[in-house]
Amino acid sequence: MSHDIDLRGLRCPISSMRLKQHLKKVPTGVTFRVLADDDDARTDFPPLFKKSGAEFLSFREEAGFHSYEVRKDV
């Protein structure tokens, strides 16, 4: 993985807005992780990944936060 997008400490809708901004900047072909501790992200983030042309690869429950592995395809 090349880098993390750390959204821990942010709540929706701020975390979703920041994620959209980051996804626009990620180059095609890059695999990265999104870190979040907002429970709403579990339902909010996957549609944002798809809409931005990113493939949602996996989800992990970490100690106190969630980790989403994503690859930017478009």
Protein backbone atom coordinates (compact mmCIF):
# COMPACT_ATOMS: atom_id res chain seq x y z
CA MET A 1 0.00 0.00 0.00
CA SER A 2 1.28 3.41 -0.83
CA HIS A 3 -0.31 5.62 1.82
CA ASP A 4 -3.15 6.11 4.30
CA ILE A 5 -5.99 8.59 4.35
CA ASP A 6 -6.48 9.16 8.06
CA LEU A 7 -9.98 10.39 8.89
CA ARG A 8 -9.97 9.32 12.53
CA GLY A 9 -11.54 11.88 14.85
CA LEU A 10 -13.87 13.21 12.12
CA ARG A 11 -17.61 12.57 12.08
CA CYS A 12 -19.99 12.40 9.13
CA PRO A 13 -20.61 14.42 7.08
CA ILE A 14 -17.12 15.94 7.51
CA SER A 15 -15.37 12.57 7.13
CA SER A 16 -17.28 11.83 3.90
CA MET A 17 -16.49 15.28 2.49
CA ARG A 18 -12.79 14.88 3.26
CA LEU A 19 -12.80 11.39 1.74
CA LYS A 20 -14.27 12.76 -1.50
CA GLN A 21 -11.51 15.40 -1.63
CA HIS A 22 -8.77 12.81 -1.08
CA LEU A 23 -10.18 10.36 -3.63
CA LYS A 24 -9.97 13.02 -6.36
CA LYS A 25 -6.22 13.36 -5.70
CA VAL A 26 -5.30 9.65 -5.59
CA PRO A 27 -3.65 8.52 -8.86
CA THR A 28 -5.10 5.62 -10.85
CA GLY A 29 -3.68 2.23 -9.89
CA VAL A 30 -2.74 3.19 -6.34
CA THR A 31 -3.79 0.94 -3.45
CA PHE A 32 -4.28 2.71 -0.14
CA ARG A 33 -6.04 2.50 3.22
CA VAL A 34 -8.71 4.76 4.65
CA LEU A 35 -8.74 4.92 8.47
CA ALA A 36 -11.87 6.06 10.30
CA ASP A 37 -13.41 5.75 13.73
CA ASP A 38 -16.90 6.98 12.87
CA ASP A 39 -19.35 4.05 12.82
CA ASP A 40 -21.39 5.76 10.08
CA ALA A 41 -18.40 5.38 7.76
CA ARG A 42 -19.15 1.65 7.47
CA THR A 43 -22.24 2.47 5.42
CA ASP A 44 -21.21 5.84 3.98
CA PHE A 45 -17.75 5.07 2.57
CA PRO A 46 -18.32 2.05 0.26
CA PRO A 47 -20.72 3.95 -2.05
CA LEU A 48 -18.23 6.86 -2.16
CA PHE A 49 -15.46 4.49 -3.20
CA LYS A 50 -17.59 3.11 -6.04
CA LYS A 51 -18.75 6.54 -7.21
CA SER A 52 -15.14 7.79 -7.38
CA GLY A 53 -13.95 4.81 -9.44
CA ALA A 54 -12.18 3.10 -6.56
CA GLU A 55 -12.45 -0.62 -5.84
CA PHE A 56 -13.26 -1.49 -2.23
CA LEU A 57 -10.95 -4.43 -1.46
CA SER A 58 -11.36 -5.18 2.25
CA PHE A 59 -12.54 -3.98 5.63
CA ARG A 60 -10.79 -4.58 8.94
CA GLU A 61 -11.85 -3.74 12.46
CA GLU A 62 -8.75 -2.39 14.19
CA ALA A 63 -8.28 -1.36 17.83
CA GLY A 64 -10.60 1.65 18.07
CA PHE A 65 -10.97 2.31 14.33
CA HIS A 66 -11.87 0.79 10.95
CA SER A 67 -9.51 0.23 8.05
CA TYR A 68 -10.69 0.12 4.43
CA GLU A 69 -8.30 -1.11 1.75
CA VAL A 70 -9.07 0.52 -1.59
CA ARG A 71 -7.54 0.68 -5.08
CA LYS A 72 -8.18 3.62 -7.40
CA ASP A 73 -9.14 2.16 -10.78
CA VAL A 74 -10.33 5.24 -12.70
